[in-house]
Amino acid sequence: MKNVLVLCTGNSCRSQMADGYLTHFAKEKATIYSAGIETHGVNPKAVAIMKLDNIDISNNTSNNVAEYTNIDFDFIITVCDHAHENCPYIPSKNAKRIHQNFFDPSKVIGSEEHIFNAFKKTRTQIKAFCKDFVATELG
């Protein structure tokens, strides 16, 4: 079984969505961890948009990357440029590092419909990325 870390700035939105999809698609092939270089709590809009796709992340927690220094990761996936550029060193000897920046829907201001559509668009992109990652990297 592989260990996969999904890393974002606040571990509240994009990394949580990726955690949900990777857990769903990888099943027994990997253990998925998500963390941030800070912790901002799990975004309720991320929980809601994932629930609409039958993925429940309501029990996820927002974790700091420092909590996982004792885990040897096979993959470290950064899902935002800020985490990619500012993440502290993670001592996983052979981890394959993958970076894919996703737009942060939690920064969108406007109507509920506009915000919902931003979350839906990011969710769709993250879902496609996660499905491809599992097929390509975890077989």
Protein backbone atom coordinates (compact mmCIF):
# COMPACT_ATOMS: atom_id res chain seq x y z
CA MET A 1 0.00 0.00 0.00
CA LYS A 2 1.27 3.45 -0.97
CA ASN A 3 1.22 6.57 1.23
CA VAL A 4 0.01 9.72 -0.53
CA LEU A 5 0.13 13.22 0.94
CA VAL A 6 -2.02 15.98 -0.56
CA LEU A 7 -0.74 19.38 0.46
CA CYS A 8 -2.29 22.84 0.25
CA THR A 9 -1.93 26.11 2.11
CA GLY A 10 -4.71 25.78 4.69
CA ASN A 11 -5.94 22.19 4.26
CA SER A 12 -9.49 23.47 4.06
CA CYS A 13 -10.72 23.17 0.49
CA ARG A 14 -8.70 21.88 -2.48
CA SER A 15 -6.63 19.36 -0.53
CA GLN A 16 -9.78 18.15 1.22
CA MET A 17 -11.56 17.60 -2.11
CA ALA A 18 -8.49 15.78 -3.45
CA ASP A 19 -8.34 13.67 -0.29
CA GLY A 20 -11.97 12.64 -0.85
CA TYR A 21 -11.49 11.67 -4.48
CA LEU A 22 -8.15 9.94 -3.97
CA THR A 23 -9.60 7.90 -1.12
CA HIS A 24 -12.58 7.02 -3.34
CA PHE A 25 -10.58 6.08 -6.45
CA ALA A 26 -7.54 4.46 -4.79
CA LYS A 27 -9.53 2.29 -2.39
CA GLU A 28 -7.07 -0.26 -0.92
CA LYS A 29 -4.16 0.81 -3.14
CA ALA A 30 -3.16 3.76 -0.98
CA THR A 31 -3.55 5.54 2.32
CA ILE A 32 -4.37 9.18 1.70
CA TYR A 33 -3.29 12.00 4.01
CA SER A 34 -4.03 15.67 3.54
CA ALA A 35 -2.36 18.59 5.24
CA GLY A 36 -1.59 22.25 4.99
CA ILE A 37 1.34 24.44 5.81
CA GLU A 38 -1.31 26.13 8.00
CA THR A 39 -4.69 24.83 9.20
CA HIS A 40 -7.88 26.73 8.44
CA GLY A 41 -10.53 24.11 9.21
CA VAL A 42 -12.50 22.15 6.62
CA ASN A 43 -14.49 24.53 4.41
CA PRO A 44 -18.26 23.80 4.67
CA LYS A 45 -18.75 24.66 0.99
CA ALA A 46 -16.15 22.03 0.06
CA VAL A 47 -18.03 19.49 2.18
CA ALA A 48 -21.32 20.45 0.48
CA ILE A 49 -20.00 20.33 -3.10
CA MET A 50 -18.40 16.93 -2.51
CA LYS A 51 -21.60 15.58 -0.99
CA LEU A 52 -23.37 16.43 -4.26
CA ASP A 53 -20.99 13.94 -5.92
CA ASN A 54 -21.59 11.33 -3.19
CA ILE A 55 -18.20 11.84 -1.54
CA ASP A 56 -18.41 12.48 2.21
CA ILE A 57 -15.57 14.54 3.65
CA SER A 58 -17.62 15.86 6.59
CA ASN A 59 -15.49 13.95 9.12
CA ASN A 60 -12.16 15.12 7.67
CA THR A 61 -9.94 17.29 9.82
CA SER A 62 -7.61 20.13 8.91
CA ASN A 63 -4.07 18.96 9.66
CA ASN A 64 -0.66 20.61 9.66
CA VAL A 65 2.05 18.95 7.58
CA ALA A 66 4.27 18.79 10.69
CA GLU A 67 1.92 16.08 12.03
CA TYR A 68 3.14 13.68 9.36
CA THR A 69 6.94 13.93 9.61
CA ASN A 70 7.20 10.28 10.70
CA ILE A 71 5.41 8.91 7.61
CA ASP A 72 7.44 7.85 4.58
CA PHE A 73 5.37 9.07 1.64
CA ASP A 74 5.48 7.53 -1.82
CA PHE A 75 3.81 10.60 -3.36
CA ILE A 76 3.53 14.22 -2.27
CA ILE A 77 0.97 16.16 -4.30
CA THR A 78 0.77 19.93 -3.93
CA VAL A 79 -2.53 21.36 -5.14
CA CYS A 80 -1.72 25.07 -4.91
CA ASP A 81 1.25 27.19 -5.92
CA HIS A 82 1.64 28.72 -2.46
CA ALA A 83 2.14 25.33 -0.78
CA HIS A 84 4.41 24.20 -3.60
CA GLU A 85 6.64 27.23 -3.12
CA ASN A 86 6.49 27.47 0.69
CA CYS A 87 6.20 23.93 2.02
CA PRO A 88 8.79 22.95 4.58
CA TYR A 89 11.03 20.01 3.80
CA ILE A 90 9.26 16.66 4.13
CA PRO A 91 11.75 13.87 4.85
CA SER A 92 10.35 11.12 2.60
CA LYS A 93 13.37 9.55 0.94
CA ASN A 94 11.83 8.41 -2.31
CA ALA A 95 8.63 10.43 -2.59
CA LYS A 96 7.59 11.37 -6.09
CA ARG A 97 6.54 15.01 -5.98
CA ILE A 98 3.69 16.13 -8.20
CA HIS A 99 2.38 19.67 -8.47
CA GLN A 100 -0.97 20.71 -9.90
CA ASN A 101 -2.27 24.16 -9.09
CA PHE A 102 -6.05 24.40 -8.74
CA PHE A 103 -8.01 27.64 -8.48
CA ASP A 104 -9.10 28.40 -4.91
CA PRO A 105 -12.91 28.71 -4.94
CA SER A 106 -12.95 29.88 -1.32
CA LYS A 107 -11.57 33.22 -2.53
CA VAL A 108 -14.57 33.89 -4.79
CA ILE A 109 -16.84 36.76 -3.83
CA GLY A 110 -20.30 37.19 -5.29
CA SER A 111 -23.68 35.55 -5.38
CA GLU A 112 -24.26 32.10 -3.92
CA GLU A 113 -24.66 30.81 -7.48
CA HIS A 114 -21.33 32.32 -8.53
CA ILE A 115 -19.57 30.80 -5.50
CA PHE A 116 -21.28 27.42 -6.04
CA ASN A 117 -20.14 27.37 -9.69
CA ALA A 118 -16.56 28.15 -8.65
CA PHE A 119 -16.55 25.23 -6.20
CA LYS A 120 -18.14 22.96 -8.79
CA LYS A 121 -15.54 23.89 -11.43
CA THR A 122 -12.63 23.26 -9.06
CA ARG A 123 -14.22 20.00 -7.88
CA THR A 124 -14.54 18.80 -11.49
CA GLN A 125 -10.86 19.57 -12.19
CA ILE A 126 -9.69 17.90 -8.98
CA LYS A 127 -11.82 14.82 -9.69
CA ALA A 128 -10.29 14.41 -13.16
CA PHE A 129 -6.77 14.88 -11.79
CA CYS A 130 -7.32 12.34 -9.00
CA LYS A 131 -8.84 9.75 -11.31
CA ASP A 132 -5.89 10.13 -13.69
CA PHE A 133 -3.35 10.02 -10.83
CA VAL A 134 -4.77 6.76 -9.48
CA ALA A 135 -4.85 5.16 -12.95
CA THR A 136 -1.35 6.35 -13.87
CA GLU A 137 0.56 6.12 -10.58
CA LEU A 138 -1.26 3.45 -8.59
CA GLY A 139 -2.43 1.25 -11.45
